[in-house]
C-alpha atoms as a PDB file:
ATOM      1  CA  MET A   1      -1.986   4.918  12.356  1.00  0.00           C
ATOM      2  CA  ILE A   2      -2.672   5.695   8.843  1.00  0.00           C
ATOM      3  CA  GLY A   3       0.097   5.332   6.259  1.00  0.00           C
ATOM      4  CA  ILE A   4      -0.037   6.961   3.079  1.00  0.00           C
ATOM      5  CA  PHE A   5       2.260   5.673   0.553  1.00  0.00           C
ATOM      6  CA  LYS A   6       3.688   6.936  -2.831  1.00  0.00           C
ATOM      7  CA  THR A   7       3.391   3.450  -5.151  1.00  0.00           C
ATOM      8  CA  ASN A   8       3.803   2.811  -8.986  1.00  0.00           C
ATOM      9  CA  ILE A   9       0.432   0.575  -8.363  1.00  0.00           C
ATOM     10  CA  ALA A  10      -1.049   0.959 -12.319  1.00  0.00           C
ATOM     11  CA  THR A  11      -3.651  -1.165 -12.947  1.00  0.00           C
ATOM     12  CA  LYS A  12      -6.921  -2.709 -11.332  1.00  0.00           C
ATOM     13  CA  GLU A  13      -5.678  -6.178 -11.334  1.00  0.00           C
ATOM     14  CA  ASP A  14      -2.341  -4.973  -9.572  1.00  0.00           C
ATOM     15  CA  ARG A  15      -3.966  -2.809  -7.045  1.00  0.00           C
ATOM     16  CA  GLN A  16      -6.665  -5.848  -6.365  1.00  0.00           C
ATOM     17  CA  THR A  17      -3.433  -8.391  -5.866  1.00  0.00           C
ATOM     18  CA  ILE A  18      -1.670  -5.963  -3.170  1.00  0.00           C
ATOM     19  CA  LEU A  19      -4.480  -5.303  -1.028  1.00  0.00           C
ATOM     20  CA  GLU A  20      -4.936  -8.846  -0.697  1.00  0.00           C
ATOM     21  CA  ALA A  21      -1.471  -9.285  -0.208  1.00  0.00           C
ATOM     22  CA  ILE A  22      -1.247  -6.457   2.598  1.00  0.00           C
ATOM     23  CA  ARG A  23      -4.638  -7.401   4.213  1.00  0.00           C
ATOM     24  CA  GLY A  24      -3.447 -11.506   4.463  1.00  0.00           C
ATOM     25  CA  ARG A  25      -0.151  -9.943   6.123  1.00  0.00           C
ATOM     26  CA  PHE A  26      -1.087  -7.019   8.012  1.00  0.00           C
ATOM     27  CA  GLU A  27      -3.545  -6.270  10.758  1.00  0.00           C
ATOM     28  CA  VAL A  28      -5.467  -2.937   8.992  1.00  0.00           C
ATOM     29  CA  GLY A  29      -8.204  -1.158   8.919  1.00  0.00           C
ATOM     30  CA  GLN A  30      -9.139  -0.399   5.746  1.00  0.00           C
ATOM     31  CA  CYS A  31      -6.796  -0.163   2.555  1.00  0.00           C
ATOM     32  CA  HIS A  32      -7.090   1.511  -0.705  1.00  0.00           C
ATOM     33  CA  VAL A  33      -4.795   2.783  -3.788  1.00  0.00           C
ATOM     34  CA  ASP A  34      -6.286   5.764  -5.751  1.00  0.00           C
ATOM     35  CA  LEU A  35      -5.375   4.679  -9.210  1.00  0.00           C
ATOM     36  CA  GLU A  36      -6.208   8.154 -10.686  1.00  0.00           C
ATOM     37  CA  ASP A  37      -3.894  10.263  -8.591  1.00  0.00           C
ATOM     38  CA  CYS A  38      -0.294  11.108 -10.151  1.00  0.00           C
ATOM     39  CA  ASP A  39       1.370   9.729  -7.175  1.00  0.00           C
ATOM     40  CA  LYS A  40      -1.005   5.999  -7.075  1.00  0.00           C
ATOM     41  CA  VAL A  41      -1.776   6.494  -3.267  1.00  0.00           C
ATOM     42  CA  LEU A  42      -1.900   3.812  -0.831  1.00  0.00           C
ATOM     43  CA  ARG A  43      -4.101   4.368   2.091  1.00  0.00           C
ATOM     44  CA  ILE A  44      -4.421   2.447   4.946  1.00  0.00           C
ATOM     45  CA  THR A  45      -5.950   3.029   8.232  1.00  0.00           C
ATOM     46  CA  GLU A  46      -5.552   1.199  11.660  1.00  0.00           C
ATOM     47  CA  MET A  47      -2.235  -0.267  10.348  1.00  0.00           C
ATOM     48  CA  LYS A  48      -0.483  -1.811  13.591  1.00  0.00           C
ATOM     49  CA  ALA A  49       2.889  -2.506  11.734  1.00  0.00           C
ATOM     50  CA  GLY A  50       5.796   0.378  11.226  1.00  0.00           C
ATOM     51  CA  GLU A  51       6.025   1.757   7.914  1.00  0.00           C
ATOM     52  CA  ASP A  52       8.989   0.301   7.120  1.00  0.00           C
ATOM     53  CA  GLU A  53       7.404  -3.123   7.523  1.00  0.00           C
ATOM     54  CA  VAL A  54       5.111  -2.352   4.868  1.00  0.00           C
ATOM     55  CA  ILE A  55       7.197  -0.354   2.098  1.00  0.00           C
ATOM     56  CA  SER A  56       9.468  -3.498   2.372  1.00  0.00           C
ATOM     57  CA  PHE A  57       6.540  -5.846   2.007  1.00  0.00           C
ATOM     58  CA  VAL A  58       5.459  -4.159  -0.954  1.00  0.00           C
ATOM     59  CA  LYS A  59       8.919  -3.653  -2.495  1.00  0.00           C
ATOM     60  CA  GLY A  60       8.680  -7.084  -1.946  1.00  0.00           C
ATOM     61  CA  LYS A  61       6.009  -7.937  -4.294  1.00  0.00           C
ATOM     62  CA  GLY A  62       7.794  -6.053  -7.111  1.00  0.00           C
ATOM     63  CA  PHE A  63       6.624  -2.790  -6.568  1.00  0.00           C
ATOM     64  CA  ASP A  64       7.674   0.797  -5.673  1.00  0.00           C
ATOM     65  CA  CYS A  65       6.719   2.302  -2.482  1.00  0.00           C
ATOM     66  CA  ASP A  66       7.859   5.176  -0.291  1.00  0.00           C
ATOM     67  CA  VAL A  67       5.979   7.257   2.573  1.00  0.00           C
ATOM     68  CA  LEU A  68       4.068   9.985   0.595  1.00  0.00           C
ATOM     69  CA  GLU A  69       5.801  13.551   1.890  1.00  0.00           C
END
């Protein structure tokens, strides 16, 4: 499963922090945040967790996160 989320992650430091947290918490393939995209897209491949669980986790770290429509 691939997860694609809209976030407010804006800095390289925040991106590094959240990607490390996601990799530490969930079994995932690759994950990336596109800081140049207007939606600051978080893309996670080979995601074993549900979208709601990932959204809740990212929000718990202080960032906005919703499924990209």
